[in-house]
């Protein structure tokens, strides 16, 4: 008996699931991170790689954050930018009390129109960082330019950080993670890889679009004092498919380190 019909049916089913179901299965990952010299607990929500999707009807079950961080690729191209308004407005409605919002741009944001993307984010209260940082509640929040289409300068982003202040780095791609570790950054957040977008059992991510390959694909990585996190993101690129790699937002409960003296 030929197995071709069964194999074909399985491929069709996988295609329907990857294209029609999994991209809408939003997951919320929860993380607790101790930061040295943190003055008080902070709840941080991290999202990334929307790629122009209108997610205004998606169920958002994340708790209310103090701080929202976006790490790039709001849109894939300029024609996608208008669709992002509904998603941003939905976030504003769900989390109106967020005290601060910070963002960096990704490689596709330049294709979509850098000035237009910045204007859209600023209209929703985001401070867009490019090779600079700001002090917020005693935390130095640093943001770099995109490693693919920009000129990232981590030293410039960290310049001005008070001695001993906890450092949070926002960067679109995890390719800057080795530099972040060398600089002693406490927490670094990125996206760009989409977790591979399509993952196969026993193989993992097929593609990551990162010069570091599979070194940092998704999830947490601890190196030295630095915690690195790569989000699977919310959207898709090239093909509107996700397989064993559902979209994600991440919630971090940042708490004072037990040995910080607080």
Protein backbone atom coordinates (compact mmCIF):
# COMPACT_ATOMS: atom_id res chain seq x y z
CA UNK A 1 0.00 0.00 0.00
CA UNK A 2 1.32 3.40 -0.96
CA UNK A 3 1.77 5.94 1.80
CA UNK A 4 1.73 8.84 -0.63
CA UNK A 5 -1.95 9.77 -0.05
CA UNK A 6 -1.45 9.77 3.74
CA UNK A 7 1.73 11.82 3.42
CA UNK A 8 0.03 14.29 1.12
CA UNK A 9 -2.90 14.63 3.53
CA UNK A 10 -0.48 15.22 6.41
CA UNK A 11 1.34 17.94 4.48
CA UNK A 12 -1.95 19.64 3.62
CA UNK A 13 -3.06 19.52 7.25
CA UNK A 14 0.29 20.93 8.41
CA UNK A 15 0.02 23.71 5.85
CA UNK A 16 -3.49 24.63 6.96
CA UNK A 17 -2.42 24.66 10.60
CA UNK A 18 0.79 26.62 9.96
CA UNK A 19 -0.92 29.17 7.76
CA UNK A 20 -4.34 29.49 9.31
CA UNK A 21 -4.20 28.54 12.99
CA UNK A 22 -0.83 28.81 14.69
CA UNK A 23 -0.12 32.45 13.63
CA UNK A 24 -3.16 33.41 15.72
CA UNK A 25 -2.22 31.43 18.83
CA UNK A 26 -0.69 34.19 20.92
CA UNK A 27 1.36 32.95 23.85
CA UNK A 28 2.49 34.89 26.91
CA UNK A 29 5.81 33.81 28.38
CA UNK A 30 6.51 34.78 32.00
CA UNK A 31 9.96 35.51 33.39
CA UNK A 32 11.28 36.65 36.75
CA UNK A 33 14.65 38.40 36.71
CA UNK A 34 16.69 39.71 39.62
CA UNK A 35 18.51 42.95 38.85
CA UNK A 36 21.25 44.33 41.09
CA UNK A 37 20.59 47.76 42.60
CA UNK A 38 17.01 47.83 41.33
CA UNK A 39 15.08 50.31 43.46
CA UNK A 40 11.67 48.62 43.28
CA UNK A 41 9.94 45.85 41.30
CA UNK A 42 9.02 46.62 37.70
CA UNK A 43 6.76 44.67 35.39
CA UNK A 44 8.03 44.83 31.81
CA UNK A 45 6.15 43.74 28.70
CA UNK A 46 8.24 42.98 25.61
CA UNK A 47 6.83 42.67 22.09
CA UNK A 48 8.48 42.68 18.70
CA UNK A 49 8.24 41.93 14.97
CA UNK A 50 4.62 42.82 14.30
CA UNK A 51 5.30 43.05 10.54
CA UNK A 52 2.14 45.01 9.83
CA UNK A 53 -0.34 42.55 11.33
CA UNK A 54 -3.68 43.79 12.60
CA UNK A 55 -4.01 41.94 15.89
CA UNK A 56 -6.75 44.11 17.36
CA UNK A 57 -9.09 41.12 17.68
CA UNK A 58 -6.55 38.81 19.23
CA UNK A 59 -6.93 37.95 22.92
CA UNK A 60 -4.28 39.67 25.02
CA UNK A 61 -4.03 37.98 28.40
CA UNK A 62 -0.87 39.61 29.70
CA UNK A 63 -1.01 41.47 33.04
CA UNK A 64 -0.77 45.24 33.11
CA UNK A 65 2.87 46.37 32.81
CA UNK A 66 4.76 49.34 34.20
CA UNK A 67 7.01 49.45 31.16
CA UNK A 68 6.48 48.38 27.55
CA UNK A 69 9.45 47.64 25.27
CA UNK A 70 9.25 47.13 21.51
CA UNK A 71 12.28 45.82 19.62
CA UNK A 72 11.54 46.56 16.00
CA UNK A 73 9.92 45.61 12.70
CA UNK A 74 6.58 47.30 13.20
CA UNK A 75 5.93 46.88 9.46
CA UNK A 76 7.51 44.92 6.63
CA UNK A 77 6.93 47.61 3.99
CA UNK A 78 5.30 51.01 3.79
CA UNK A 79 1.98 49.57 2.62
CA UNK A 80 1.74 47.59 5.88
CA UNK A 81 2.06 50.58 8.18
CA UNK A 82 -1.62 51.65 8.23
CA UNK A 83 -2.63 48.20 9.53
CA UNK A 84 -0.45 48.65 12.60
CA UNK A 85 -2.63 51.45 13.94
CA UNK A 86 -5.37 49.07 15.07
CA UNK A 87 -2.90 46.91 16.99
CA UNK A 88 -1.23 49.88 18.67
CA UNK A 89 -4.62 51.34 19.61
CA UNK A 90 -5.69 48.00 21.05
CA UNK A 91 -2.57 47.88 23.22
CA UNK A 92 -3.26 51.43 24.42
CA UNK A 93 -6.78 50.41 25.40
CA UNK A 94 -5.67 47.27 27.26
CA UNK A 95 -2.67 48.78 29.06
CA UNK A 96 -3.44 52.49 29.44
CA UNK A 97 -1.60 52.80 32.74
CA UNK A 98 1.84 51.76 31.44
CA UNK A 99 4.15 54.43 32.82
CA UNK A 100 6.65 54.32 29.96
CA UNK A 101 7.13 52.92 26.48
CA UNK A 102 10.48 52.52 24.71
CA UNK A 103 11.29 51.20 21.24
CA UNK A 104 14.05 50.53 18.75
CA UNK A 105 13.71 50.03 15.02
CA UNK A 106 14.36 46.89 12.98
CA UNK A 107 15.68 46.25 9.49
CA UNK A 108 12.22 46.19 7.90
CA UNK A 109 11.27 49.48 9.55
CA UNK A 110 13.76 51.21 7.29
CA UNK A 111 12.11 49.65 4.26
CA UNK A 112 8.73 50.77 5.57
CA UNK A 113 10.03 54.31 6.03
CA UNK A 114 12.05 55.17 9.10
CA UNK A 115 10.46 58.57 9.72
CA UNK A 116 6.93 57.22 9.30
CA UNK A 117 7.54 54.32 11.68
CA UNK A 118 9.04 56.62 14.30
CA UNK A 119 6.08 58.98 13.98
CA UNK A 120 3.62 56.12 14.39
CA UNK A 121 5.36 54.84 17.52
CA UNK A 122 5.74 58.30 19.05
CA UNK A 123 2.04 58.96 18.49
CA UNK A 124 1.40 56.07 20.87
CA UNK A 125 3.78 57.29 23.53
CA UNK A 126 6.95 55.41 22.60
CA UNK A 127 10.38 56.94 23.02
CA UNK A 128 12.46 55.64 20.11
CA UNK A 129 16.09 55.01 21.01
CA UNK A 130 18.92 54.80 18.49
CA UNK A 131 22.37 54.47 20.03
CA UNK A 132 21.36 56.29 23.17
CA UNK A 133 19.77 55.64 26.53
CA UNK A 134 17.54 57.18 29.17
CA UNK A 135 17.26 56.75 32.90
CA UNK A 136 13.82 55.57 34.03
CA UNK A 137 13.03 54.62 37.64
CA UNK A 138 16.72 54.12 38.27
CA UNK A 139 17.17 51.75 35.29
CA UNK A 140 19.30 52.76 32.31
CA UNK A 141 17.31 51.80 29.22
CA UNK A 142 19.62 51.64 26.23
CA UNK A 143 18.62 51.16 22.61
CA UNK A 144 20.75 50.58 19.54
CA UNK A 145 20.32 51.08 15.85
CA UNK A 146 19.50 47.96 13.82
CA UNK A 147 22.51 45.67 13.21
CA UNK A 148 21.44 44.88 9.63
CA UNK A 149 20.50 48.21 8.06
CA UNK A 150 21.73 50.69 10.63
CA UNK A 151 24.92 51.50 12.49
CA UNK A 152 24.57 50.15 16.02
CA UNK A 153 26.81 51.64 18.68
CA UNK A 154 26.40 49.92 22.02
CA UNK A 155 28.98 52.12 23.75
CA UNK A 156 27.00 55.22 22.78
CA UNK A 157 23.75 53.62 23.99
CA UNK A 158 25.32 52.88 27.38
CA UNK A 159 27.08 56.24 27.67
CA UNK A 160 25.75 58.25 30.56
CA UNK A 161 24.50 55.31 32.60
CA UNK A 162 24.99 56.07 36.31
CA UNK A 163 27.53 53.92 38.08
CA UNK A 164 25.84 50.78 39.41
CA UNK A 165 22.49 51.42 37.73
CA UNK A 166 20.75 48.31 36.30
CA UNK A 167 21.00 48.23 32.51
CA UNK A 168 18.31 47.12 30.07
CA UNK A 169 19.31 46.86 26.40
CA UNK A 170 16.81 46.93 23.55
CA UNK A 171 18.17 45.82 20.19
CA UNK A 172 16.39 44.38 17.20
CA UNK A 173 18.66 41.43 16.50
CA UNK A 174 20.52 39.18 18.96
CA UNK A 175 23.73 39.72 16.97
CA UNK A 176 24.75 42.37 19.52
CA UNK A 177 24.40 39.96 22.44
CA UNK A 178 28.14 39.08 22.63
CA UNK A 179 28.90 42.81 22.94
CA UNK A 180 26.22 43.16 25.61
CA UNK A 181 27.81 40.36 27.63
CA UNK A 182 31.25 41.97 27.33
CA UNK A 183 29.79 45.31 28.46
CA UNK A 184 28.12 43.77 31.50
CA UNK A 185 24.54 44.59 30.51
CA UNK A 186 22.08 43.10 32.99
CA UNK A 187 19.19 42.29 30.63
CA UNK A 188 19.13 42.40 26.82
CA UNK A 189 15.96 41.96 24.73
CA UNK A 190 15.71 41.28 21.00
CA UNK A 191 13.56 39.72 18.31
CA UNK A 192 14.28 39.44 14.57
CA UNK A 193 14.67 35.65 14.39
CA UNK A 194 10.94 34.89 14.87
CA UNK A 195 12.23 31.81 16.71
CA UNK A 196 12.82 30.41 13.24
CA UNK A 197 9.11 30.85 12.39
CA UNK A 198 9.04 27.25 11.17
CA UNK A 199 10.59 24.66 13.47
CA UNK A 200 10.79 20.93 12.94
CA UNK A 201 10.95 18.29 15.68
CA UNK A 202 14.51 17.14 16.23
CA UNK A 203 15.85 19.90 13.99
CA UNK A 204 14.60 23.17 15.39
CA UNK A 205 14.67 26.42 13.46
CA UNK A 206 15.27 26.09 9.74
CA UNK A 207 16.25 29.75 9.30
CA UNK A 208 16.98 32.59 11.73
CA UNK A 209 18.06 35.53 9.49
CA UNK A 210 20.86 36.09 12.01
CA UNK A 211 24.57 36.20 11.24
CA UNK A 212 25.03 34.13 14.40
CA UNK A 213 22.84 31.33 13.03
CA UNK A 214 21.23 29.27 15.78
CA UNK A 215 23.35 30.61 18.62
CA UNK A 216 20.47 32.79 19.86
CA UNK A 217 17.16 31.69 18.34
CA UNK A 218 14.50 32.12 21.00
CA UNK A 219 14.07 32.18 24.74
CA UNK A 220 16.55 32.90 27.54
CA UNK A 221 20.33 32.67 27.46
CA UNK A 222 22.47 33.39 30.51
CA UNK A 223 26.08 34.41 29.86
CA UNK A 224 28.09 35.83 32.73
CA UNK A 225 26.01 38.45 34.51
CA UNK A 226 23.87 39.07 31.42
CA UNK A 227 20.47 37.56 30.74
CA UNK A 228 19.67 37.55 27.03
CA UNK A 229 16.17 37.03 25.67
CA UNK A 230 15.00 36.50 22.09
CA UNK A 231 11.27 36.71 21.43
CA UNK A 232 9.48 34.70 18.75
CA UNK A 233 7.66 37.92 17.87
CA UNK A 234 4.11 38.48 16.67
CA UNK A 235 4.20 38.52 12.89
CA UNK A 236 5.60 36.62 9.95
CA UNK A 237 7.81 37.51 7.02
CA UNK A 238 8.34 36.03 3.54
CA UNK A 239 5.69 33.34 4.11
CA UNK A 240 2.64 33.80 6.40
CA UNK A 241 3.39 30.57 8.24
CA UNK A 242 4.30 29.47 11.74
CA UNK A 243 4.91 25.87 12.71
CA UNK A 244 5.79 24.75 16.26
CA UNK A 245 6.68 28.41 16.85
CA UNK A 246 3.59 30.42 17.91
CA UNK A 247 3.65 34.21 18.29
CA UNK A 248 4.66 35.55 21.65
CA UNK A 249 4.72 38.48 24.00
CA UNK A 250 6.92 38.26 27.07
CA UNK A 251 6.30 39.58 30.57
CA UNK A 252 9.26 40.14 32.88
CA UNK A 253 8.88 40.71 36.58
CA UNK A 254 12.06 42.57 37.44
CA UNK A 255 12.86 42.39 41.13
CA UNK A 256 15.75 43.65 43.28
CA UNK A 257 18.51 41.09 43.54
CA UNK A 258 18.63 39.37 46.92
CA UNK A 259 22.21 40.52 47.44
CA UNK A 260 21.58 44.12 46.31
CA UNK A 261 21.09 45.35 49.84
CA UNK A 262 17.50 46.48 49.18
